[in-house]
Amino acid sequence: MIIEVIIGRVGEASNTIYKTTGAMRNVSSSLREVGTLTEATAFLNTTSLKLDAQAADIERQAYGNRQLIVKGLKLV
């Protein structure tokens, strides 16, 4: 069914964002270990937190609006 495809794609998109932010945190951690680029590590940390929050919001909205999506697809 189309709704499973949509929800599945949302999950894949969120997982991609989480993998990316995990890599960003690893880079930030490596930079911190070297003791350089503190501005870069702060940027990576802040950006990864914002992206994680947005990924969670995407999932929450998709699952929360599942019934509306189903109703909309029935109209088509």
C-alpha atoms as a PDB file:
ATOM      1  CA  MET A   1       0.000   0.000   0.000  1.00  0.00           C
ATOM      2  CA  ILE A   2       1.119   3.542  -0.674  1.00  0.00           C
ATOM      3  CA  ILE A   3       1.012   4.582   2.982  1.00  0.00           C
ATOM      4  CA  GLU A   4       3.586   1.919   3.915  1.00  0.00           C
ATOM      5  CA  VAL A   5       5.863   3.229   1.170  1.00  0.00           C
ATOM      6  CA  ILE A   6       5.493   6.802   2.441  1.00  0.00           C
ATOM      7  CA  ILE A   7       6.084   5.852   6.076  1.00  0.00           C
ATOM      8  CA  GLY A   8       8.969   3.595   5.018  1.00  0.00           C
ATOM      9  CA  ARG A   9      10.613   6.450   3.134  1.00  0.00           C
ATOM     10  CA  VAL A  10      10.202   8.699   6.159  1.00  0.00           C
ATOM     11  CA  GLY A  11      11.988   6.101   8.266  1.00  0.00           C
ATOM     12  CA  GLU A  12      14.775   5.790   5.707  1.00  0.00           C
ATOM     13  CA  ALA A  13      15.192   9.562   5.534  1.00  0.00           C
ATOM     14  CA  SER A  14      15.358   9.845   9.313  1.00  0.00           C
ATOM     15  CA  ASN A  15      17.888   7.007   9.523  1.00  0.00           C
ATOM     16  CA  THR A  16      20.042   8.731   6.914  1.00  0.00           C
ATOM     17  CA  ILE A  17      19.968  11.937   8.947  1.00  0.00           C
ATOM     18  CA  TYR A  18      20.846  10.042  12.145  1.00  0.00           C
ATOM     19  CA  LYS A  19      23.771   8.279  10.423  1.00  0.00           C
ATOM     20  CA  THR A  20      25.031  11.616   9.119  1.00  0.00           C
ATOM     21  CA  THR A  21      24.814  13.286  12.508  1.00  0.00           C
ATOM     22  CA  GLY A  22      26.578  10.313  14.088  1.00  0.00           C
ATOM     23  CA  ALA A  23      29.443  10.774  11.643  1.00  0.00           C
ATOM     24  CA  MET A  24      29.487  14.493  12.431  1.00  0.00           C
ATOM     25  CA  ARG A  25      29.797  13.721  16.141  1.00  0.00           C
ATOM     26  CA  ASN A  26      32.651  11.296  15.432  1.00  0.00           C
ATOM     27  CA  VAL A  27      34.511  13.966  13.464  1.00  0.00           C
ATOM     28  CA  SER A  28      33.882  16.467  16.235  1.00  0.00           C
ATOM     29  CA  SER A  29      35.174  14.015  18.826  1.00  0.00           C
ATOM     30  CA  SER A  30      38.306  13.336  16.774  1.00  0.00           C
ATOM     31  CA  LEU A  31      38.965  17.055  16.409  1.00  0.00           C
ATOM     32  CA  ARG A  32      38.529  17.512  20.146  1.00  0.00           C
ATOM     33  CA  GLU A  33      41.032  14.730  20.847  1.00  0.00           C
ATOM     34  CA  VAL A  34      43.603  16.540  18.725  1.00  0.00           C
ATOM     35  CA  GLY A  35      42.820  19.719  20.645  1.00  0.00           C
ATOM     36  CA  THR A  36      42.260  21.932  17.623  1.00  0.00           C
ATOM     37  CA  LEU A  37      39.433  23.575  15.764  1.00  0.00           C
ATOM     38  CA  THR A  38      37.179  24.220  18.752  1.00  0.00           C
ATOM     39  CA  GLU A  39      34.971  26.460  16.621  1.00  0.00           C
ATOM     40  CA  ALA A  40      34.495  23.621  14.141  1.00  0.00           C
ATOM     41  CA  THR A  41      33.654  21.111  16.874  1.00  0.00           C
ATOM     42  CA  ALA A  42      31.092  23.483  18.364  1.00  0.00           C
ATOM     43  CA  PHE A  43      29.514  23.968  14.929  1.00  0.00           C
ATOM     44  CA  LEU A  44      29.391  20.208  14.286  1.00  0.00           C
ATOM     45  CA  ASN A  45      27.846  19.519  17.690  1.00  0.00           C
ATOM     46  CA  THR A  46      25.222  22.242  17.353  1.00  0.00           C
ATOM     47  CA  THR A  47      24.349  21.250  13.796  1.00  0.00           C
ATOM     48  CA  SER A  48      24.082  17.541  14.626  1.00  0.00           C
ATOM     49  CA  LEU A  49      21.740  18.277  17.541  1.00  0.00           C
ATOM     50  CA  LYS A  50      19.513  20.432  15.324  1.00  0.00           C
ATOM     51  CA  LEU A  51      19.429  17.797  12.585  1.00  0.00           C
ATOM     52  CA  ASP A  52      18.578  15.040  15.075  1.00  0.00           C
ATOM     53  CA  ALA A  53      15.703  17.150  16.396  1.00  0.00           C
ATOM     54  CA  GLN A  54      14.433  17.762  12.861  1.00  0.00           C
ATOM     55  CA  ALA A  55      14.656  14.054  11.994  1.00  0.00           C
ATOM     56  CA  ALA A  56      12.619  13.206  15.083  1.00  0.00           C
ATOM     57  CA  ASP A  57      10.082  15.876  14.117  1.00  0.00           C
ATOM     58  CA  ILE A  58       9.775  14.455  10.593  1.00  0.00           C
ATOM     59  CA  GLU A  59       9.045  10.998  12.026  1.00  0.00           C
ATOM     60  CA  ARG A  60       6.599  12.359  14.588  1.00  0.00           C
ATOM     61  CA  GLN A  61       4.676  14.342  11.965  1.00  0.00           C
ATOM     62  CA  ALA A  62       4.529  11.462   9.491  1.00  0.00           C
ATOM     63  CA  TYR A  63       3.293   8.954  12.056  1.00  0.00           C
ATOM     64  CA  GLY A  64       0.961  11.498  13.623  1.00  0.00           C
ATOM     65  CA  ASN A  65      -0.548  12.384  10.260  1.00  0.00           C
ATOM     66  CA  ARG A  66      -0.828   8.808   9.017  1.00  0.00           C
ATOM     67  CA  GLN A  67      -4.635   8.828   9.134  1.00  0.00           C
ATOM     68  CA  LEU A  68      -4.784  12.125   7.248  1.00  0.00           C
ATOM     69  CA  ILE A  69      -2.469  10.700   4.594  1.00  0.00           C
ATOM     70  CA  VAL A  70      -4.712   7.629   4.256  1.00  0.00           C
ATOM     71  CA  LYS A  71      -7.817   9.832   3.894  1.00  0.00           C
ATOM     72  CA  GLY A  72      -6.053  11.997   1.311  1.00  0.00           C
ATOM     73  CA  LEU A  73      -5.025   8.975  -0.723  1.00  0.00           C
ATOM     74  CA  LYS A  74      -8.597   7.657  -0.690  1.00  0.00           C
ATOM     75  CA  LEU A  75      -9.707  10.888  -2.352  1.00  0.00           C
ATOM     76  CA  VAL A  76      -7.214  10.380  -5.178  1.00  0.00           C
END
